[in-house]
């Protein structure tokens, strides 16, 4: 594993071919989200600060928001953050200004967004596909898409799919994937249409998704509170059967392997757990090794 960045509830850890080490320059702050673009790393610290990893490995605070930040994406259009109450902010200029993405406030169907517990929805994940389109996962509100760098947005998937994470395929320009309560959602036309895949899953409630080579990795459990949590892998072709990843892993995980806790680059895969364990695979999820244990509760994992 070239370089693994692990965000926890009590700080940020690095792992590069050895034992995990706490990064003192980050401080003992909760990591709410991590993002990687062109091998540069960004993080949300303490829910309100956006921080950047410098070339020397240290972390620098670059912006602060009055809103709680739920996710982060470093895109070719700049750094974009999703917030609680379902807003988007863009980092602009050199002075750390976070400007609202105004068009996102008027996307069709916004008035129907909700959460099962009655609170306000949130932007849970953001992905940019290889053609530059932006896909923002609202929980619960589907996956609004922008084809013009955020100047306009349109809904793409039924909000009842209850999407928890959206990612773009690293080599297929029009392929977008999402983990939802219905299983794996796959689009081969950049979000214009979706199909649902779940053959072979023991349950359909999915929280995290990643692409490793020719395999799609998906975390699944019995429901929002977890129970019989597992990681599966499958091929991208329609109708492919999921197989549960078992070699080197516990039979089941008690909790969910949550959005942002699973990541892949090439054939390398890594994920963390709420118990503070980190597992890695170098063969697209066929075999696994426990790379860290006893860390504070994982909040985000990214391969840099």
C-alpha atoms as a PDB file:
ATOM      1  CA  UNK A   1       0.000   0.000   0.000  1.00  0.00           C
ATOM      2  CA  UNK A   2       1.773   3.131  -1.238  1.00  0.00           C
ATOM      3  CA  UNK A   3       0.369   5.689   1.204  1.00  0.00           C
ATOM      4  CA  UNK A   4      -2.758   5.275   3.320  1.00  0.00           C
ATOM      5  CA  UNK A   5      -4.360   8.210   5.124  1.00  0.00           C
ATOM      6  CA  UNK A   6      -6.706   7.227   7.951  1.00  0.00           C
ATOM      7  CA  UNK A   7      -9.048   9.729   9.542  1.00  0.00           C
ATOM      8  CA  UNK A   8     -10.384   8.911  13.011  1.00  0.00           C
ATOM      9  CA  UNK A   9     -12.464  10.480  15.722  1.00  0.00           C
ATOM     10  CA  UNK A  10      -9.284  11.584  17.485  1.00  0.00           C
ATOM     11  CA  UNK A  11      -6.877  12.638  14.772  1.00  0.00           C
ATOM     12  CA  UNK A  12      -5.283  11.532  11.542  1.00  0.00           C
ATOM     13  CA  UNK A  13      -2.962   8.565  11.018  1.00  0.00           C
ATOM     14  CA  UNK A  14      -0.644   7.680   8.176  1.00  0.00           C
ATOM     15  CA  UNK A  15       0.287   4.191   7.055  1.00  0.00           C
ATOM     16  CA  UNK A  16       3.005   3.610   4.477  1.00  0.00           C
ATOM     17  CA  UNK A  17       4.299   0.057   4.594  1.00  0.00           C
ATOM     18  CA  UNK A  18       4.572  -0.119   8.385  1.00  0.00           C
ATOM     19  CA  UNK A  19       2.805   0.704  11.624  1.00  0.00           C
ATOM     20  CA  UNK A  20       0.206   3.487  11.636  1.00  0.00           C
ATOM     21  CA  UNK A  21       1.549   6.758  13.023  1.00  0.00           C
ATOM     22  CA  UNK A  22      -0.401   9.690  14.429  1.00  0.00           C
ATOM     23  CA  UNK A  23       0.207  12.888  12.443  1.00  0.00           C
ATOM     24  CA  UNK A  24       0.977  15.605  15.015  1.00  0.00           C
ATOM     25  CA  UNK A  25       0.580  18.468  12.530  1.00  0.00           C
ATOM     26  CA  UNK A  26      -3.119  17.627  12.135  1.00  0.00           C
ATOM     27  CA  UNK A  27      -3.901  17.791  15.829  1.00  0.00           C
ATOM     28  CA  UNK A  28      -6.288  15.690  17.898  1.00  0.00           C
ATOM     29  CA  UNK A  29      -9.313  16.705  15.860  1.00  0.00           C
ATOM     30  CA  UNK A  30     -12.045  14.506  14.483  1.00  0.00           C
ATOM     31  CA  UNK A  31     -11.701  13.823  10.767  1.00  0.00           C
ATOM     32  CA  UNK A  32     -15.112  14.108   9.166  1.00  0.00           C
ATOM     33  CA  UNK A  33     -13.983  13.459   5.565  1.00  0.00           C
ATOM     34  CA  UNK A  34     -10.944  12.928   3.334  1.00  0.00           C
ATOM     35  CA  UNK A  35     -10.443  13.671  -0.365  1.00  0.00           C
ATOM     36  CA  UNK A  36      -7.625  12.947  -2.812  1.00  0.00           C
ATOM     37  CA  UNK A  37      -6.966  14.477  -6.239  1.00  0.00           C
ATOM     38  CA  UNK A  38      -3.742  14.167  -8.245  1.00  0.00           C
ATOM     39  CA  UNK A  39      -2.100  12.685  -5.130  1.00  0.00           C
ATOM     40  CA  UNK A  40      -2.921  15.810  -3.088  1.00  0.00           C
ATOM     41  CA  UNK A  41      -4.908  15.160   0.092  1.00  0.00           C
ATOM     42  CA  UNK A  42      -7.560  17.290   1.787  1.00  0.00           C
ATOM     43  CA  UNK A  43      -9.589  16.749   4.953  1.00  0.00           C
ATOM     44  CA  UNK A  44     -12.440  18.112   7.011  1.00  0.00           C
ATOM     45  CA  UNK A  45     -11.216  18.593  10.582  1.00  0.00           C
ATOM     46  CA  UNK A  46     -13.571  19.039  13.489  1.00  0.00           C
ATOM     47  CA  UNK A  47     -16.604  19.383  11.175  1.00  0.00           C
ATOM     48  CA  UNK A  48     -15.877  22.999  10.198  1.00  0.00           C
ATOM     49  CA  UNK A  49     -12.288  23.345   8.936  1.00  0.00           C
ATOM     50  CA  UNK A  50     -10.885  22.345   5.542  1.00  0.00           C
ATOM     51  CA  UNK A  51      -7.212  21.384   5.748  1.00  0.00           C
ATOM     52  CA  UNK A  52      -4.652  20.525   3.061  1.00  0.00           C
ATOM     53  CA  UNK A  53      -1.628  18.251   3.192  1.00  0.00           C
ATOM     54  CA  UNK A  54       1.477  20.142   2.123  1.00  0.00           C
ATOM     55  CA  UNK A  55       4.360  18.643   0.080  1.00  0.00           C
ATOM     56  CA  UNK A  56       6.378  18.193   3.282  1.00  0.00           C
ATOM     57  CA  UNK A  57       3.560  16.070   4.767  1.00  0.00           C
ATOM     58  CA  UNK A  58       2.288  18.642   7.244  1.00  0.00           C
ATOM     59  CA  UNK A  59      -1.329  19.802   7.316  1.00  0.00           C
ATOM     60  CA  UNK A  60      -2.480  23.420   6.978  1.00  0.00           C
ATOM     61  CA  UNK A  61      -5.916  24.867   7.710  1.00  0.00           C
ATOM     62  CA  UNK A  62      -7.095  26.702   4.588  1.00  0.00           C
ATOM     63  CA  UNK A  63     -10.782  27.495   5.217  1.00  0.00           C
ATOM     64  CA  UNK A  64     -13.459  27.453   7.881  1.00  0.00           C
ATOM     65  CA  UNK A  65     -17.218  27.141   7.516  1.00  0.00           C
ATOM     66  CA  UNK A  66     -20.051  28.255   9.777  1.00  0.00           C
ATOM     67  CA  UNK A  67     -21.913  25.163   8.563  1.00  0.00           C
ATOM     68  CA  UNK A  68     -21.078  21.599   9.556  1.00  0.00           C
ATOM     69  CA  UNK A  69     -19.243  19.924   6.687  1.00  0.00           C
ATOM     70  CA  UNK A  70     -20.231  16.335   5.878  1.00  0.00           C
ATOM     71  CA  UNK A  71     -18.063  15.490   2.850  1.00  0.00           C
ATOM     72  CA  UNK A  72     -15.357  16.821   0.603  1.00  0.00           C
ATOM     73  CA  UNK A  73     -14.255  16.409  -3.020  1.00  0.00           C
ATOM     74  CA  UNK A  74     -11.110  17.771  -4.653  1.00  0.00           C
ATOM     75  CA  UNK A  75     -12.122  18.196  -8.296  1.00  0.00           C
ATOM     76  CA  UNK A  76     -10.744  19.802 -11.435  1.00  0.00           C
ATOM     77  CA  UNK A  77     -13.229  22.600 -10.707  1.00  0.00           C
ATOM     78  CA  UNK A  78     -11.746  23.147  -7.249  1.00  0.00           C
ATOM     79  CA  UNK A  79     -12.466  21.824  -3.775  1.00  0.00           C
ATOM     80  CA  UNK A  80     -16.179  21.328  -3.128  1.00  0.00           C
ATOM     81  CA  UNK A  81     -17.673  20.553   0.286  1.00  0.00           C
ATOM     82  CA  UNK A  82     -21.092  19.152   1.119  1.00  0.00           C
ATOM     83  CA  UNK A  83     -22.801  20.221   4.317  1.00  0.00           C
ATOM     84  CA  UNK A  84     -25.424  19.178   6.757  1.00  0.00           C
ATOM     85  CA  UNK A  85     -28.814  20.589   5.667  1.00  0.00           C
ATOM     86  CA  UNK A  86     -27.763  19.762   2.079  1.00  0.00           C
ATOM     87  CA  UNK A  87     -25.766  22.728   0.809  1.00  0.00           C
ATOM     88  CA  UNK A  88     -22.666  22.836  -1.387  1.00  0.00           C
ATOM     89  CA  UNK A  89     -19.694  25.149  -0.821  1.00  0.00           C
ATOM     90  CA  UNK A  90     -16.782  25.802  -3.171  1.00  0.00           C
ATOM     91  CA  UNK A  91     -13.320  26.912  -2.051  1.00  0.00           C
ATOM     92  CA  UNK A  92     -12.412  30.005  -4.073  1.00  0.00           C
ATOM     93  CA  UNK A  93      -9.444  32.373  -4.132  1.00  0.00           C
ATOM     94  CA  UNK A  94      -6.335  32.312  -1.988  1.00  0.00           C
ATOM     95  CA  UNK A  95      -7.945  33.666   1.188  1.00  0.00           C
ATOM     96  CA  UNK A  96      -9.886  30.564   2.231  1.00  0.00           C
ATOM     97  CA  UNK A  97     -13.292  31.805   1.065  1.00  0.00           C
ATOM     98  CA  UNK A  98     -16.053  29.193   0.913  1.00  0.00           C
ATOM     99  CA  UNK A  99     -18.723  30.351  -1.538  1.00  0.00           C
ATOM    100  CA  UNK A 100     -22.159  28.707  -1.774  1.00  0.00           C
ATOM    101  CA  UNK A 101     -22.979  26.842  -4.975  1.00  0.00           C
ATOM    102  CA  UNK A 102     -26.172  28.792  -5.573  1.00  0.00           C
ATOM    103  CA  UNK A 103     -27.670  26.595  -8.295  1.00  0.00           C
ATOM    104  CA  UNK A 104     -27.718  23.612  -5.941  1.00  0.00           C
ATOM    105  CA  UNK A 105     -30.284  25.439  -3.806  1.00  0.00           C
ATOM    106  CA  UNK A 106     -32.881  25.271  -6.584  1.00  0.00           C
ATOM    107  CA  UNK A 107     -32.390  21.752  -7.971  1.00  0.00           C
ATOM    108  CA  UNK A 108     -35.675  20.135  -8.967  1.00  0.00           C
ATOM    109  CA  UNK A 109     -37.212  18.028  -6.195  1.00  0.00           C
ATOM    110  CA  UNK A 110     -35.239  19.608  -3.356  1.00  0.00           C
ATOM    111  CA  UNK A 111     -38.428  20.101  -1.365  1.00  0.00           C
ATOM    112  CA  UNK A 112     -38.901  16.310  -1.196  1.00  0.00           C
ATOM    113  CA  UNK A 113     -35.509  15.549   0.385  1.00  0.00           C
ATOM    114  CA  UNK A 114     -35.755  14.025   3.854  1.00  0.00           C
ATOM    115  CA  UNK A 115     -34.165  11.765   6.458  1.00  0.00           C
ATOM    116  CA  UNK A 116     -35.808   8.691   8.038  1.00  0.00           C
ATOM    117  CA  UNK A 117     -35.429  10.221  11.504  1.00  0.00           C
ATOM    118  CA  UNK A 118     -37.020  13.538  10.567  1.00  0.00           C
ATOM    119  CA  UNK A 119     -33.897  15.724  10.585  1.00  0.00           C
ATOM    120  CA  UNK A 120     -32.583  17.759   7.668  1.00  0.00           C
ATOM    121  CA  UNK A 121     -30.901  15.917   4.779  1.00  0.00           C
ATOM    122  CA  UNK A 122     -27.168  16.250   4.081  1.00  0.00           C
ATOM    123  CA  UNK A 123     -24.806  16.054   1.123  1.00  0.00           C
ATOM    124  CA  UNK A 124     -23.110  12.788   2.022  1.00  0.00           C
ATOM    125  CA  UNK A 125     -20.637  12.347  -0.862  1.00  0.00           C
ATOM    126  CA  UNK A 126     -19.494  14.070  -4.057  1.00  0.00           C
ATOM    127  CA  UNK A 127     -17.830  12.541  -7.129  1.00  0.00           C
ATOM    128  CA  UNK A 128     -16.440  13.905 -10.374  1.00  0.00           C
ATOM    129  CA  UNK A 129     -16.437  11.601 -13.385  1.00  0.00           C
ATOM    130  CA  UNK A 130     -13.727  11.563 -16.026  1.00  0.00           C
ATOM    131  CA  UNK A 131     -15.753  13.873 -18.277  1.00  0.00           C
ATOM    132  CA  UNK A 132     -15.835  16.508 -15.509  1.00  0.00           C
ATOM    133  CA  UNK A 133     -19.475  16.071 -14.469  1.00  0.00           C
ATOM    134  CA  UNK A 134     -20.254  16.414 -10.760  1.00  0.00           C
ATOM    135  CA  UNK A 135     -22.490  13.994  -8.859  1.00  0.00           C
ATOM    136  CA  UNK A 136     -23.665  14.996  -5.361  1.00  0.00           C
ATOM    137  CA  UNK A 137     -25.243  12.316  -3.177  1.00  0.00           C
ATOM    138  CA  UNK A 138     -27.936  13.723  -0.902  1.00  0.00           C
ATOM    139  CA  UNK A 139     -29.156  11.642   2.010  1.00  0.00           C
ATOM    140  CA  UNK A 140     -31.991  11.245   1.387  1.00  0.00           C
ATOM    141  CA  UNK A 141     -32.423  13.042  -1.935  1.00  0.00           C
ATOM    142  CA  UNK A 142     -30.894  11.022  -4.753  1.00  0.00           C
ATOM    143  CA  UNK A 143     -27.870  12.112  -6.794  1.00  0.00           C
ATOM    144  CA  UNK A 144     -28.192  15.544  -8.418  1.00  0.00           C
ATOM    145  CA  UNK A 145     -25.797  15.946 -11.363  1.00  0.00           C
ATOM    146  CA  UNK A 146     -24.080  18.975 -12.882  1.00  0.00           C
ATOM    147  CA  UNK A 147     -22.629  18.908 -16.378  1.00  0.00           C
ATOM    148  CA  UNK A 148     -21.379  22.517 -16.225  1.00  0.00           C
ATOM    149  CA  UNK A 149     -19.084  22.705 -13.187  1.00  0.00           C
ATOM    150  CA  UNK A 150     -21.947  23.401 -10.785  1.00  0.00           C
ATOM    151  CA  UNK A 151     -23.703  26.174 -12.713  1.00  0.00           C
ATOM    152  CA  UNK A 152     -26.851  24.013 -12.937  1.00  0.00           C
ATOM    153  CA  UNK A 153     -28.072  20.743 -11.405  1.00  0.00           C
ATOM    154  CA  UNK A 154     -30.618  18.070 -12.274  1.00  0.00           C
ATOM    155  CA  UNK A 155     -31.890  15.030 -10.330  1.00  0.00           C
ATOM    156  CA  UNK A 156     -30.876  11.588 -11.603  1.00  0.00           C
ATOM    157  CA  UNK A 157     -32.063   8.713  -9.395  1.00  0.00           C
ATOM    158  CA  UNK A 158     -35.216   8.003  -7.387  1.00  0.00           C
ATOM    159  CA  UNK A 159     -34.639   9.361  -3.890  1.00  0.00           C
ATOM    160  CA  UNK A 160     -36.163   6.172  -2.437  1.00  0.00           C
ATOM    161  CA  UNK A 161     -32.977   4.344  -3.488  1.00  0.00           C
ATOM    162  CA  UNK A 162     -31.626   5.913  -0.260  1.00  0.00           C
ATOM    163  CA  UNK A 163     -28.112   6.508  -1.581  1.00  0.00           C
ATOM    164  CA  UNK A 164     -25.239   6.661   0.932  1.00  0.00           C
ATOM    165  CA  UNK A 165     -22.210   7.132  -1.343  1.00  0.00           C
ATOM    166  CA  UNK A 166     -21.523   7.918  -4.995  1.00  0.00           C
ATOM    167  CA  UNK A 167     -18.216   7.321  -6.831  1.00  0.00           C
ATOM    168  CA  UNK A 168     -17.038   7.705 -10.409  1.00  0.00           C
ATOM    169  CA  UNK A 169     -15.303   4.879 -12.234  1.00  0.00           C
ATOM    170  CA  UNK A 170     -11.566   5.640 -12.497  1.00  0.00           C
ATOM    171  CA  UNK A 171     -11.202   4.549 -16.141  1.00  0.00           C
ATOM    172  CA  UNK A 172     -14.715   4.503 -17.675  1.00  0.00           C
ATOM    173  CA  UNK A 173     -15.833   8.105 -18.371  1.00  0.00           C
ATOM    174  CA  UNK A 174     -19.591   7.500 -18.232  1.00  0.00           C
ATOM    175  CA  UNK A 175     -19.749   4.951 -15.408  1.00  0.00           C
ATOM    176  CA  UNK A 176     -20.954   6.101 -11.991  1.00  0.00           C
ATOM    177  CA  UNK A 177     -21.690   3.796  -9.059  1.00  0.00           C
ATOM    178  CA  UNK A 178     -23.562   4.288  -5.806  1.00  0.00           C
ATOM    179  CA  UNK A 179     -24.180   2.372  -2.591  1.00  0.00           C
ATOM    180  CA  UNK A 180     -27.747   2.565  -1.336  1.00  0.00           C
ATOM    181  CA  UNK A 181     -30.327   0.800   0.767  1.00  0.00           C
ATOM    182  CA  UNK A 182     -31.365  -1.071  -2.403  1.00  0.00           C
ATOM    183  CA  UNK A 183     -27.890  -2.455  -3.141  1.00  0.00           C
ATOM    184  CA  UNK A 184     -25.464  -1.278  -5.826  1.00  0.00           C
ATOM    185  CA  UNK A 185     -26.718   1.354  -8.269  1.00  0.00           C
ATOM    186  CA  UNK A 186     -24.874   1.456 -11.595  1.00  0.00           C
ATOM    187  CA  UNK A 187     -25.098   4.044 -14.362  1.00  0.00           C
ATOM    188  CA  UNK A 188     -23.275   3.642 -17.668  1.00  0.00           C
ATOM    189  CA  UNK A 189     -24.532   6.951 -19.064  1.00  0.00           C
ATOM    190  CA  UNK A 190     -23.230   9.380 -16.428  1.00  0.00           C
ATOM    191  CA  UNK A 191     -26.354   9.221 -14.282  1.00  0.00           C
ATOM    192  CA  UNK A 192     -29.030   9.567 -16.938  1.00  0.00           C
ATOM    193  CA  UNK A 193     -30.304   6.084 -16.052  1.00  0.00           C
ATOM    194  CA  UNK A 194     -29.544   3.544 -13.335  1.00  0.00           C
ATOM    195  CA  UNK A 195     -29.792  -0.181 -12.768  1.00  0.00           C
ATOM    196  CA  UNK A 196     -29.707  -1.972  -9.407  1.00  0.00           C
ATOM    197  CA  UNK A 197     -27.443  -4.968  -8.797  1.00  0.00           C
ATOM    198  CA  UNK A 198     -27.759  -7.212  -5.703  1.00  0.00           C
ATOM    199  CA  UNK A 199     -27.516 -10.859  -6.802  1.00  0.00           C
ATOM    200  CA  UNK A 200     -25.588 -12.810  -4.162  1.00  0.00           C
ATOM    201  CA  UNK A 201     -25.823 -10.252  -1.357  1.00  0.00           C
ATOM    202  CA  UNK A 202     -27.078 -11.494   2.016  1.00  0.00           C
ATOM    203  CA  UNK A 203     -28.726  -8.088   2.501  1.00  0.00           C
ATOM    204  CA  UNK A 204     -29.179  -5.047   0.278  1.00  0.00           C
ATOM    205  CA  UNK A 205     -28.319  -2.225   2.705  1.00  0.00           C
ATOM    206  CA  UNK A 206     -25.060  -0.788   1.299  1.00  0.00           C
ATOM    207  CA  UNK A 207     -23.042   2.100   2.720  1.00  0.00           C
ATOM    208  CA  UNK A 208     -19.740   2.291   0.778  1.00  0.00           C
ATOM    209  CA  UNK A 209     -18.524   1.525  -2.741  1.00  0.00           C
ATOM    210  CA  UNK A 210     -15.154   1.560  -4.540  1.00  0.00           C
ATOM    211  CA  UNK A 211     -13.655   0.328  -7.819  1.00  0.00           C
ATOM    212  CA  UNK A 212     -10.505  -1.821  -7.809  1.00  0.00           C
ATOM    213  CA  UNK A 213      -9.337  -2.790 -11.282  1.00  0.00           C
ATOM    214  CA  UNK A 214     -12.124  -4.822 -12.884  1.00  0.00           C
ATOM    215  CA  UNK A 215     -13.959  -5.345  -9.580  1.00  0.00           C
ATOM    216  CA  UNK A 216     -16.509  -3.254  -7.698  1.00  0.00           C
ATOM    217  CA  UNK A 217     -16.291  -3.421  -3.892  1.00  0.00           C
ATOM    218  CA  UNK A 218     -19.417  -2.846  -1.796  1.00  0.00           C
ATOM    219  CA  UNK A 219     -20.006  -2.797   1.968  1.00  0.00           C
ATOM    220  CA  UNK A 220     -23.325  -4.278   3.112  1.00  0.00           C
ATOM    221  CA  UNK A 221     -25.100  -4.906   6.418  1.00  0.00           C
ATOM    222  CA  UNK A 222     -28.536  -5.757   7.767  1.00  0.00           C
ATOM    223  CA  UNK A 223     -29.508  -2.105   8.111  1.00  0.00           C
ATOM    224  CA  UNK A 224     -28.742   1.370   9.499  1.00  0.00           C
ATOM    225  CA  UNK A 225     -27.601  -0.015  12.854  1.00  0.00           C
ATOM    226  CA  UNK A 226     -25.330  -2.598  11.240  1.00  0.00           C
ATOM    227  CA  UNK A 227     -25.332  -6.297  12.016  1.00  0.00           C
ATOM    228  CA  UNK A 228     -23.725  -8.916   9.759  1.00  0.00           C
ATOM    229  CA  UNK A 229     -21.599  -6.303   8.060  1.00  0.00           C
ATOM    230  CA  UNK A 230     -19.472  -7.517   5.158  1.00  0.00           C
ATOM    231  CA  UNK A 231     -17.551  -6.450   2.076  1.00  0.00           C
ATOM    232  CA  UNK A 232     -18.494  -7.933  -1.293  1.00  0.00           C
ATOM    233  CA  UNK A 233     -16.986  -7.718  -4.743  1.00  0.00           C
ATOM    234  CA  UNK A 234     -18.446  -8.165  -8.192  1.00  0.00           C
ATOM    235  CA  UNK A 235     -17.814  -7.458 -11.867  1.00  0.00           C
ATOM    236  CA  UNK A 236     -19.288  -4.428 -13.585  1.00  0.00           C
ATOM    237  CA  UNK A 237     -21.236  -6.386 -16.216  1.00  0.00           C
ATOM    238  CA  UNK A 238     -25.036  -6.481 -15.777  1.00  0.00           C
ATOM    239  CA  UNK A 239     -26.291  -9.434 -13.748  1.00  0.00           C
ATOM    240  CA  UNK A 240     -22.919 -10.258 -12.187  1.00  0.00           C
ATOM    241  CA  UNK A 241     -23.105 -12.105  -8.873  1.00  0.00           C
ATOM    242  CA  UNK A 242     -21.577 -10.630  -5.725  1.00  0.00           C
ATOM    243  CA  UNK A 243     -19.107 -12.756  -3.790  1.00  0.00           C
ATOM    244  CA  UNK A 244     -18.394 -12.045  -0.131  1.00  0.00           C
ATOM    245  CA  UNK A 245     -14.795 -11.205   0.717  1.00  0.00           C
ATOM    246  CA  UNK A 246     -13.659 -13.704   3.362  1.00  0.00           C
ATOM    247  CA  UNK A 247      -9.941 -14.510   3.156  1.00  0.00           C
ATOM    248  CA  UNK A 248      -8.212 -12.603   5.969  1.00  0.00           C
ATOM    249  CA  UNK A 249     -11.434 -10.981   7.247  1.00  0.00           C
ATOM    250  CA  UNK A 250     -13.723 -11.748  10.207  1.00  0.00           C
ATOM    251  CA  UNK A 251     -16.836 -13.686   9.271  1.00  0.00           C
ATOM    252  CA  UNK A 252     -19.002 -10.624   9.994  1.00  0.00           C
ATOM    253  CA  UNK A 253     -18.592  -7.059  11.257  1.00  0.00           C
ATOM    254  CA  UNK A 254     -20.923  -5.793  13.977  1.00  0.00           C
ATOM    255  CA  UNK A 255     -21.356  -2.298  12.544  1.00  0.00           C
ATOM    256  CA  UNK A 256     -21.521  -0.692   9.137  1.00  0.00           C
ATOM    257  CA  UNK A 257     -18.437  -0.066   7.039  1.00  0.00           C
ATOM    258  CA  UNK A 258     -19.569   3.433   6.354  1.00  0.00           C
ATOM    259  CA  UNK A 259     -19.402   5.892   3.471  1.00  0.00           C
ATOM    260  CA  UNK A 260     -15.839   7.091   2.947  1.00  0.00           C
ATOM    261  CA  UNK A 261     -14.351   4.185   4.920  1.00  0.00           C
ATOM    262  CA  UNK A 262     -13.653   2.081   1.790  1.00  0.00           C
ATOM    263  CA  UNK A 263     -11.249   3.162  -0.944  1.00  0.00           C
ATOM    264  CA  UNK A 264      -9.382   1.660  -3.887  1.00  0.00           C
ATOM    265  CA  UNK A 265      -6.645   2.626  -6.319  1.00  0.00           C
ATOM    266  CA  UNK A 266      -5.740   0.180  -9.046  1.00  0.00           C
ATOM    267  CA  UNK A 267      -5.800  -3.264  -7.444  1.00  0.00           C
ATOM    268  CA  UNK A 268      -5.180  -1.870  -3.949  1.00  0.00           C
ATOM    269  CA  UNK A 269      -8.141  -1.646  -1.562  1.00  0.00           C
ATOM    270  CA  UNK A 270      -8.432  -0.470   2.042  1.00  0.00           C
ATOM    271  CA  UNK A 271     -11.253  -0.048   4.524  1.00  0.00           C
ATOM    272  CA  UNK A 272     -11.696   0.819   8.178  1.00  0.00           C
ATOM    273  CA  UNK A 273     -14.195  -0.111  10.871  1.00  0.00           C
ATOM    274  CA  UNK A 274     -15.880   1.604  13.753  1.00  0.00           C
ATOM    275  CA  UNK A 275     -13.754  -0.550  16.080  1.00  0.00           C
ATOM    276  CA  UNK A 276     -10.540   1.047  14.799  1.00  0.00           C
ATOM    277  CA  UNK A 277      -9.321  -1.745  12.531  1.00  0.00           C
ATOM    278  CA  UNK A 278      -7.949  -1.200   9.019  1.00  0.00           C
ATOM    279  CA  UNK A 279      -7.808  -3.967   6.408  1.00  0.00           C
ATOM    280  CA  UNK A 280      -5.916  -3.814   3.106  1.00  0.00           C
ATOM    281  CA  UNK A 281      -5.861  -5.900  -0.059  1.00  0.00           C
ATOM    282  CA  UNK A 282      -3.444  -5.794  -2.970  1.00  0.00           C
ATOM    283  CA  UNK A 283      -5.493  -8.020  -5.300  1.00  0.00           C
ATOM    284  CA  UNK A 284      -8.809  -6.165  -5.650  1.00  0.00           C
ATOM    285  CA  UNK A 285     -10.303  -7.677  -2.511  1.00  0.00           C
ATOM    286  CA  UNK A 286      -9.581 -11.366  -3.022  1.00  0.00           C
ATOM    287  CA  UNK A 287      -7.239 -11.601  -0.003  1.00  0.00           C
ATOM    288  CA  UNK A 288      -6.958  -9.240   2.972  1.00  0.00           C
ATOM    289  CA  UNK A 289      -4.515  -8.326   5.721  1.00  0.00           C
ATOM    290  CA  UNK A 290      -5.235  -6.471   8.945  1.00  0.00           C
ATOM    291  CA  UNK A 291      -2.919  -3.451   8.650  1.00  0.00           C
ATOM    292  CA  UNK A 292      -3.895  -1.646  11.861  1.00  0.00           C
ATOM    293  CA  UNK A 293      -5.906  -2.331  14.989  1.00  0.00           C
ATOM    294  CA  UNK A 294      -6.853  -0.441  18.118  1.00  0.00           C
ATOM    295  CA  UNK A 295      -7.104   2.956  16.434  1.00  0.00           C
ATOM    296  CA  UNK A 296      -9.823   5.413  17.434  1.00  0.00           C
ATOM    297  CA  UNK A 297     -13.070   4.897  15.548  1.00  0.00           C
ATOM    298  CA  UNK A 298     -12.456   5.252  11.813  1.00  0.00           C
ATOM    299  CA  UNK A 299     -14.099   8.170  10.034  1.00  0.00           C
ATOM    300  CA  UNK A 300     -12.425   8.100   6.588  1.00  0.00           C
ATOM    301  CA  UNK A 301      -9.829   6.104   4.624  1.00  0.00           C
ATOM    302  CA  UNK A 302      -8.051   7.199   1.451  1.00  0.00           C
ATOM    303  CA  UNK A 303      -5.233   5.713  -0.629  1.00  0.00           C
ATOM    304  CA  UNK A 304      -2.949   8.508  -1.864  1.00  0.00           C
END
